[in-house]
Amino acid sequence: CFCFSRPTPVIRWIKEGGELPANRTFFENFKKTLKIIDVSEADSGNYKCIARNILGSAHHVISVTVKAAPYWITAPRNLVLSPGEDGTLICRANGNPKPSISWLANGVPI
């Protein structure tokens, strides 16, 4: 968040509709840089930097989208069944964008 004015403005950061991530938010370069460590999908959103001095204020909104590769919520497990038994296979995955799940039997889509 770079804003040039005289007198030098005070910079403040907010997350619209929420709080800045607690214990993972750091400021650098006289608060011109907001740094978030160990980012998660919950950190997605609009962040606003506000520059203010005695003559007024200006702000800018930065949209942050956190992308995530597919990951298992519930990983599939091997199943051993006898003839005539019923079995259930469960596959739950998430990510951003949301992954599609495909089922194959011996390499052939079912």
Protein backbone atom coordinates (compact mmCIF):
# COMPACT_ATOMS: atom_id res chain seq x y z
CA CYS A 1 0.00 0.00 0.00
CA PHE A 2 1.98 2.97 -1.28
CA CYS A 3 0.50 6.41 -0.75
CA PHE A 4 2.47 9.60 -1.12
CA SER A 5 1.42 12.78 0.66
CA ARG A 6 2.57 15.45 3.06
CA PRO A 7 2.39 15.16 5.97
CA THR A 8 3.29 11.46 5.74
CA PRO A 9 0.13 9.37 6.15
CA VAL A 10 -0.50 6.70 8.77
CA ILE A 11 -1.34 3.36 7.13
CA ARG A 12 -3.97 1.00 8.53
CA TRP A 13 -5.10 -2.39 7.19
CA ILE A 14 -8.46 -4.12 7.62
CA LYS A 15 -10.05 -7.23 6.19
CA GLU A 16 -13.55 -6.46 4.95
CA GLY A 17 -16.15 -8.57 6.74
CA GLY A 18 -13.65 -10.08 9.15
CA GLU A 19 -10.51 -9.77 11.17
CA LEU A 20 -6.90 -9.81 10.04
CA PRO A 21 -5.49 -13.29 10.71
CA ALA A 22 -4.46 -13.35 14.37
CA ASN A 23 -0.82 -14.21 15.16
CA ARG A 24 -0.02 -14.59 11.43
CA THR A 25 -0.11 -10.93 10.36
CA PHE A 26 3.01 -8.80 10.18
CA PHE A 27 3.67 -5.31 8.84
CA GLU A 28 6.78 -4.17 7.01
CA ASN A 29 8.02 -0.97 5.41
CA PHE A 30 6.23 1.36 7.86
CA LYS A 31 2.98 -0.65 7.50
CA LYS A 32 2.98 -0.25 3.71
CA THR A 33 3.31 -4.03 3.39
CA LEU A 34 0.92 -6.50 5.01
CA LYS A 35 2.43 -9.97 5.33
CA ILE A 36 0.38 -13.06 6.20
CA ILE A 37 2.23 -16.27 6.98
CA ASP A 38 0.90 -19.84 6.76
CA VAL A 39 -1.94 -18.77 4.44
CA SER A 40 -5.17 -20.79 4.37
CA GLU A 41 -8.31 -20.63 2.25
CA ALA A 42 -10.01 -18.67 5.05
CA ASP A 43 -7.61 -15.80 4.32
CA SER A 44 -9.30 -15.15 0.96
CA GLY A 45 -11.23 -11.90 0.85
CA ASN A 46 -10.92 -8.16 0.38
CA TYR A 47 -8.20 -6.33 2.27
CA LYS A 48 -8.32 -2.56 2.54
CA CYS A 49 -5.37 -0.29 3.18
CA ILE A 50 -6.25 3.14 4.47
CA ALA A 51 -3.82 6.07 4.38
CA ARG A 52 -4.75 8.99 6.61
CA ASN A 53 -3.19 12.31 7.61
CA ILE A 54 -4.60 15.59 8.95
CA LEU A 55 -5.68 16.61 5.44
CA GLY A 56 -7.80 13.54 4.72
CA SER A 57 -7.66 9.88 3.77
CA ALA A 58 -7.50 7.53 0.81
CA HIS A 59 -8.02 3.80 0.60
CA HIS A 60 -7.52 0.93 -1.79
CA VAL A 61 -9.11 -2.53 -1.77
CA ILE A 62 -7.02 -5.56 -2.70
CA SER A 63 -8.82 -8.81 -3.50
CA VAL A 64 -6.98 -11.93 -2.32
CA THR A 65 -7.88 -15.40 -3.59
CA VAL A 66 -6.17 -18.41 -2.04
CA LYS A 67 -5.95 -21.36 -4.42
CA ALA A 68 -5.44 -24.89 -3.11
CA ALA A 69 -4.48 -28.07 -4.91
CA PRO A 70 -6.87 -30.98 -4.29
CA TYR A 71 -6.47 -32.61 -0.89
CA TRP A 72 -8.22 -35.48 0.85
CA ILE A 73 -10.95 -34.84 3.38
CA THR A 74 -11.56 -38.59 3.55
CA ALA A 75 -9.10 -40.66 1.52
CA PRO A 76 -10.42 -43.82 -0.14
CA ARG A 77 -9.59 -47.08 1.63
CA ASN A 78 -9.10 -50.53 0.24
CA LEU A 79 -12.04 -52.87 0.61
CA VAL A 80 -11.93 -56.67 0.87
CA LEU A 81 -15.30 -58.32 0.25
CA SER A 82 -16.61 -61.82 -0.21
CA PRO A 83 -19.02 -62.67 -3.04
CA GLY A 84 -22.54 -61.42 -2.24
CA GLU A 85 -21.39 -58.78 0.27
CA ASP A 86 -22.10 -55.08 -0.10
CA GLY A 87 -19.38 -52.46 0.08
CA THR A 88 -19.18 -48.70 0.15
CA LEU A 89 -16.30 -46.67 -1.20
CA ILE A 90 -16.00 -43.11 0.07
CA CYS A 91 -13.90 -40.41 -1.58
CA ARG A 92 -14.08 -36.86 -0.24
CA ALA A 93 -11.73 -34.20 -1.57
CA ASN A 94 -11.57 -30.43 -1.49
CA GLY A 95 -9.52 -27.64 -3.05
CA ASN A 96 -9.90 -24.28 -4.74
CA PRO A 97 -11.16 -24.53 -7.38
CA LYS A 98 -13.26 -27.45 -6.16
CA PRO A 99 -11.93 -30.68 -7.71
CA SER A 100 -14.07 -33.06 -9.72
CA ILE A 101 -14.10 -36.69 -8.60
CA SER A 102 -14.04 -39.54 -11.10
CA TRP A 103 -14.51 -43.22 -10.37
CA LEU A 104 -12.74 -45.90 -12.41
CA ALA A 105 -12.77 -49.71 -12.16
CA ASN A 106 -9.56 -51.29 -13.51
CA GLY A 107 -8.79 -48.02 -15.33
CA VAL A 108 -12.23 -47.77 -16.97
CA PRO A 109 -14.66 -44.97 -15.97
CA ILE A 110 -17.81 -46.22 -14.23
